[in-house]
N, C-alpha and C. Protein backbone atom coordinates (compact mmCIF):
# COMPACT_ATOMS: atom_id res chain seq x y z
N MET A 1 0.93 -1.09 0.06
CA MET A 1 -0.39 0.08 -0.05
C MET A 1 0.63 1.22 0.08
N GLU A 2 0.41 2.48 -0.98
CA GLU A 2 1.22 3.76 -0.74
C GLU A 2 0.16 4.85 -1.28
N ASP A 3 0.82 5.98 -0.43
CA ASP A 3 -0.29 7.30 -0.65
C ASP A 3 1.13 8.24 -1.22
N PHE A 4 0.56 8.29 -2.95
CA PHE A 4 1.35 8.83 -3.64
C PHE A 4 0.69 10.43 -3.65
N ASN A 5 -0.43 10.58 -3.65
CA ASN A 5 -0.83 12.29 -3.94
C ASN A 5 -0.89 12.99 -4.98
N GLU A 6 -1.31 11.69 -6.11
CA GLU A 6 -0.96 11.97 -7.43
C GLU A 6 -2.14 11.58 -8.12
N ILE A 7 -2.56 12.36 -9.30
CA ILE A 7 -3.58 12.14 -10.18
C ILE A 7 -3.05 11.19 -11.77
N LEU A 8 -4.24 10.96 -12.57
CA LEU A 8 -3.71 9.86 -13.52
C LEU A 8 -4.23 11.35 -14.91
N HIS A 9 -4.83 11.88 -14.59
CA HIS A 9 -5.62 12.85 -15.53
C HIS A 9 -5.97 14.21 -15.36
N GLN A 10 -5.36 15.34 -15.63
CA GLN A 10 -5.96 16.57 -15.88
C GLN A 10 -7.26 16.74 -15.11
N HIS A 11 -8.15 16.02 -15.51
CA HIS A 11 -9.85 16.40 -15.39
C HIS A 11 -10.16 16.04 -14.03
N GLU A 12 -8.90 15.15 -13.11
CA GLU A 12 -9.30 15.14 -11.74
C GLU A 12 -8.23 15.97 -10.79
N LYS A 13 -8.49 17.39 -11.54
CA LYS A 13 -8.19 18.18 -10.77
C LYS A 13 -8.93 19.19 -10.86
N SER A 14 -9.50 19.97 -9.87
CA SER A 14 -10.05 21.27 -10.28
C SER A 14 -9.72 22.58 -9.48
N GLY A 15 -9.14 23.35 -9.99
CA GLY A 15 -9.07 24.73 -9.12
C GLY A 15 -7.62 25.11 -9.71
N ILE A 16 -7.12 25.94 -8.55
CA ILE A 16 -5.87 26.58 -9.20
C ILE A 16 -5.06 26.01 -10.60
N ALA A 17 -3.80 26.68 -10.60
CA ALA A 17 -3.12 25.85 -11.93
C ALA A 17 -3.03 24.18 -11.80
N ALA A 18 -3.39 24.10 -13.39
CA ALA A 18 -2.89 22.15 -13.70
C ALA A 18 -1.73 21.93 -13.33
N ARG A 19 -2.25 20.77 -12.91
CA ARG A 19 -0.82 19.56 -13.00
C ARG A 19 0.25 19.76 -13.83
N ALA A 20 1.68 19.52 -13.46
CA ALA A 20 2.85 19.38 -14.68
C ALA A 20 2.18 18.01 -15.32
N THR A 21 2.68 18.02 -16.81
CA THR A 21 2.52 17.04 -17.39
C THR A 21 3.53 16.12 -17.08
N TRP A 22 4.63 16.42 -17.07
CA TRP A 22 5.65 15.50 -16.43
C TRP A 22 5.22 14.47 -15.10
N GLN A 23 4.56 15.28 -14.18
CA GLN A 23 4.05 14.66 -13.18
C GLN A 23 3.48 13.51 -13.33
N ILE A 24 1.87 14.13 -14.03
CA ILE A 24 1.38 12.66 -14.21
C ILE A 24 1.50 11.91 -15.05
N GLN A 25 2.59 12.41 -16.22
CA GLN A 25 3.33 11.19 -17.08
C GLN A 25 4.15 10.09 -15.73
N ALA A 26 4.83 10.36 -15.12
CA ALA A 26 5.85 10.06 -14.16
C ALA A 26 4.74 8.90 -13.40
N PHE A 27 3.63 9.28 -12.92
CA PHE A 27 2.94 8.71 -12.15
C PHE A 27 2.24 7.39 -12.97
N CYS A 28 1.84 7.95 -14.06
CA CYS A 28 1.28 6.60 -14.95
C CYS A 28 2.43 5.64 -15.22
N GLU A 29 3.61 6.30 -15.55
CA GLU A 29 4.97 4.98 -15.78
C GLU A 29 5.13 4.50 -14.69
N CYS A 30 5.12 4.53 -13.67
CA CYS A 30 4.86 4.24 -11.90
C CYS A 30 4.34 2.94 -11.88
N LEU A 31 2.98 3.55 -12.45
CA LEU A 31 1.76 2.65 -12.01
C LEU A 31 1.79 1.25 -13.25
N SER A 32 2.64 1.71 -14.76
CA SER A 32 2.55 1.17 -15.70
C SER A 32 4.24 -0.15 -15.21
N ASP A 33 4.88 0.83 -14.81
CA ASP A 33 5.85 -0.24 -14.51
C ASP A 33 5.76 -1.52 -13.60
N CYS A 34 5.13 -1.20 -12.44
CA CYS A 34 4.43 -2.39 -11.15
C CYS A 34 3.15 -2.87 -12.16
N ASN A 35 3.40 -2.80 -13.15
CA ASN A 35 1.88 -3.75 -13.81
C ASN A 35 0.22 -3.45 -12.87
N LEU A 36 0.39 -2.27 -12.08
CA LEU A 36 -0.94 -1.98 -11.89
C LEU A 36 -1.72 -1.41 -12.32
N HIS A 37 -3.18 -1.38 -12.40
CA HIS A 37 -4.54 -0.38 -12.95
C HIS A 37 -5.16 -0.17 -11.67
N ASP A 38 -5.66 1.19 -12.24
CA ASP A 38 -6.48 2.04 -11.10
C ASP A 38 -8.10 1.45 -11.52
N LEU A 39 -8.46 0.82 -10.78
CA LEU A 39 -9.51 0.55 -10.40
C LEU A 39 -11.16 1.42 -10.55
N GLY A 40 -10.73 2.24 -11.04
CA GLY A 40 -11.95 2.99 -11.25
C GLY A 40 -12.73 3.92 -9.75
N CYS A 41 -13.66 4.47 -9.51
CA CYS A 41 -14.52 4.89 -8.49
C CYS A 41 -16.38 5.12 -8.99
N HIS A 42 -16.96 5.06 -7.97
CA HIS A 42 -18.23 5.57 -7.89
C HIS A 42 -18.21 6.66 -7.31
N GLY A 43 -19.11 7.26 -7.08
CA GLY A 43 -19.47 8.13 -6.14
C GLY A 43 -18.66 9.77 -6.88
N SER A 44 -18.37 10.55 -5.53
CA SER A 44 -17.59 11.82 -5.92
C SER A 44 -16.51 11.75 -6.77
N LEU A 45 -16.26 12.51 -7.61
CA LEU A 45 -14.92 12.28 -8.23
C LEU A 45 -13.47 12.44 -7.65
N PHE A 46 -14.26 13.99 -6.68
CA PHE A 46 -12.68 14.74 -5.89
C PHE A 46 -12.77 13.98 -4.64
N THR A 47 -11.50 13.56 -3.95
CA THR A 47 -11.36 13.22 -2.76
C THR A 47 -10.02 13.51 -1.60
N TRP A 48 -10.14 14.55 -1.90
CA TRP A 48 -9.69 15.91 -1.34
C TRP A 48 -9.64 17.43 -1.83
N CYS A 49 -9.62 18.54 -1.25
CA CYS A 49 -9.79 19.26 -1.07
C CYS A 49 -9.12 20.17 0.22
N ASN A 50 -8.54 21.72 -0.46
CA ASN A 50 -7.89 22.54 0.26
C ASN A 50 -8.88 23.45 1.45
N CYS A 51 -10.46 23.22 1.25
CA CYS A 51 -10.74 23.53 2.02
C CYS A 51 -10.91 25.69 1.69
N ARG A 52 -9.97 26.13 0.58
CA ARG A 52 -10.61 27.27 0.84
C ARG A 52 -11.25 28.09 0.55
N GLU A 53 -11.74 28.98 0.09
CA GLU A 53 -12.68 29.86 -0.55
C GLU A 53 -12.63 30.11 -1.73
N SER A 54 -13.58 30.07 -3.03
CA SER A 54 -13.35 30.37 -4.25
C SER A 54 -12.73 31.99 -4.56
N PRO A 55 -11.84 32.28 -5.19
CA PRO A 55 -11.33 31.52 -6.20
C PRO A 55 -10.27 30.08 -6.18
N ARG A 56 -9.92 30.37 -4.87
CA ARG A 56 -8.54 29.88 -4.12
C ARG A 56 -8.80 28.24 -3.84
N THR A 57 -10.25 27.79 -4.18
CA THR A 57 -10.65 26.47 -3.83
C THR A 57 -9.81 25.04 -4.85
N VAL A 58 -8.87 24.07 -3.97
CA VAL A 58 -8.89 23.36 -5.15
C VAL A 58 -9.26 22.07 -4.69
N ARG A 59 -9.28 21.14 -5.83
CA ARG A 59 -10.68 19.70 -5.15
C ARG A 59 -8.95 18.96 -6.41
N GLU A 60 -9.09 17.45 -6.11
CA GLU A 60 -8.25 16.74 -6.42
C GLU A 60 -8.76 15.05 -6.49
N ARG A 61 -8.83 13.97 -7.22
CA ARG A 61 -9.00 12.67 -6.79
C ARG A 61 -7.47 12.28 -6.41
N LEU A 62 -7.17 12.26 -5.21
CA LEU A 62 -6.38 11.53 -4.99
C LEU A 62 -5.98 9.85 -4.07
N ASP A 63 -7.27 10.01 -3.83
CA ASP A 63 -7.23 8.34 -3.52
C ASP A 63 -7.79 7.53 -4.34
N ARG A 64 -6.91 6.18 -4.30
CA ARG A 64 -7.60 5.37 -5.64
C ARG A 64 -7.13 3.94 -4.98
N ALA A 65 -7.52 2.94 -5.87
CA ALA A 65 -7.39 1.85 -5.47
C ALA A 65 -6.94 1.17 -6.98
N CYS A 66 -5.53 0.62 -6.63
CA CYS A 66 -4.77 0.03 -7.75
C CYS A 66 -4.84 -1.89 -7.74
N SER A 67 -4.68 -2.42 -8.69
CA SER A 67 -4.46 -3.37 -8.54
C SER A 67 -3.80 -4.48 -10.06
N ASN A 68 -3.25 -5.53 -9.98
CA ASN A 68 -2.62 -6.19 -11.01
C ASN A 68 -3.89 -6.74 -11.92
N THR A 69 -3.67 -7.41 -13.28
CA THR A 69 -4.32 -7.94 -13.55
C THR A 69 -4.71 -9.19 -12.86
N ALA A 70 -4.21 -10.01 -12.49
CA ALA A 70 -4.53 -11.38 -11.61
C ALA A 70 -5.22 -11.02 -10.43
N TRP A 71 -4.92 -9.40 -9.78
CA TRP A 71 -5.92 -9.43 -8.77
C TRP A 71 -7.66 -9.13 -8.93
N ALA A 72 -7.27 -8.70 -10.22
CA ALA A 72 -8.41 -8.09 -10.85
C ALA A 72 -9.28 -9.25 -10.90
N ALA A 73 -8.41 -10.02 -11.86
CA ALA A 73 -9.45 -11.71 -12.09
C ALA A 73 -9.66 -12.12 -11.00
N LEU A 74 -9.39 -12.51 -9.98
CA LEU A 74 -9.54 -13.17 -8.73
C LEU A 74 -11.19 -12.65 -7.95
N PHE A 75 -10.84 -11.05 -8.23
CA PHE A 75 -11.96 -10.52 -7.88
C PHE A 75 -12.79 -9.29 -8.73
N PRO A 76 -13.21 -9.96 -9.66
CA PRO A 76 -13.91 -9.13 -10.70
C PRO A 76 -14.96 -7.72 -10.29
N ALA A 77 -15.52 -8.25 -9.19
CA ALA A 77 -17.32 -7.62 -8.77
C ALA A 77 -16.21 -6.67 -7.94
N THR A 78 -15.61 -6.44 -7.87
CA THR A 78 -14.51 -5.17 -6.74
C THR A 78 -14.87 -3.75 -6.97
N GLN A 79 -15.46 -3.07 -6.42
CA GLN A 79 -15.90 -1.74 -6.47
C GLN A 79 -15.15 -0.97 -5.93
N VAL A 80 -15.02 0.17 -6.11
CA VAL A 80 -14.41 1.10 -5.12
C VAL A 80 -15.14 2.28 -5.34
N SER A 81 -15.86 2.88 -4.02
CA SER A 81 -16.70 3.83 -3.87
C SER A 81 -15.88 4.83 -2.41
N HIS A 82 -16.27 6.34 -3.21
CA HIS A 82 -15.99 7.73 -2.84
C HIS A 82 -17.17 8.21 -2.14
N CYS A 83 -17.19 8.25 -0.67
CA CYS A 83 -18.01 8.55 -0.61
C CYS A 83 -18.14 9.67 0.18
N PHE A 84 -18.82 10.87 0.16
CA PHE A 84 -18.34 12.39 0.96
C PHE A 84 -18.57 12.17 2.20
N ILE A 85 -17.87 12.91 3.36
CA ILE A 85 -17.68 13.03 4.50
C ILE A 85 -17.54 14.50 5.27
N GLU A 86 -18.66 15.28 5.88
CA GLU A 86 -18.41 16.03 6.00
C GLU A 86 -18.29 16.26 7.34
N LEU A 87 -17.59 16.74 8.07
CA LEU A 87 -16.59 16.99 9.48
C LEU A 87 -16.68 18.68 9.62
N GLY A 88 -17.43 18.41 11.08
CA GLY A 88 -16.77 19.81 11.52
C GLY A 88 -15.90 20.65 11.72
N ARG A 89 -16.08 21.75 11.58
CA ARG A 89 -15.27 22.61 11.87
C ARG A 89 -15.42 23.83 12.62
N GLY A 90 -14.26 24.50 13.37
CA GLY A 90 -14.63 25.57 14.40
C GLY A 90 -15.66 25.84 14.75
N ILE A 91 -16.30 24.09 15.28
CA ILE A 91 -17.70 24.66 16.31
C ILE A 91 -17.01 24.61 17.73
N GLU A 92 -17.31 25.34 18.25
CA GLU A 92 -16.72 25.78 20.02
C GLU A 92 -18.15 25.14 20.84
N GLU A 93 -17.71 24.26 21.97
CA GLU A 93 -18.40 23.99 22.86
C GLU A 93 -19.16 24.84 23.50
N GLY A 94 -20.70 24.69 23.83
CA GLY A 94 -21.56 25.63 23.97
C GLY A 94 -22.16 26.12 22.89
N ASP A 95 -21.54 26.31 21.36
CA ASP A 95 -22.62 26.50 20.30
C ASP A 95 -23.37 25.67 19.79
């Protein structure tokens, strides 16, 4: 298991400056070199937000599950769900 904090495609990022093409390509090559494939997802496309107000809001699909072909063949019904969870912020006791 690894946490790369990278995207595979430009449409997986919304907000300020686009991700550098070389950075996306490097991540794609890393997965390819390891014979891994993105399993896709259901639900929200974006899994991370910088929680800043517009126009500085950035959203990205950083969370993903990958597998090799053999694993995917063993578990063909696998589905990855991105469920939105809202956590309270700035709420003080007594409010």
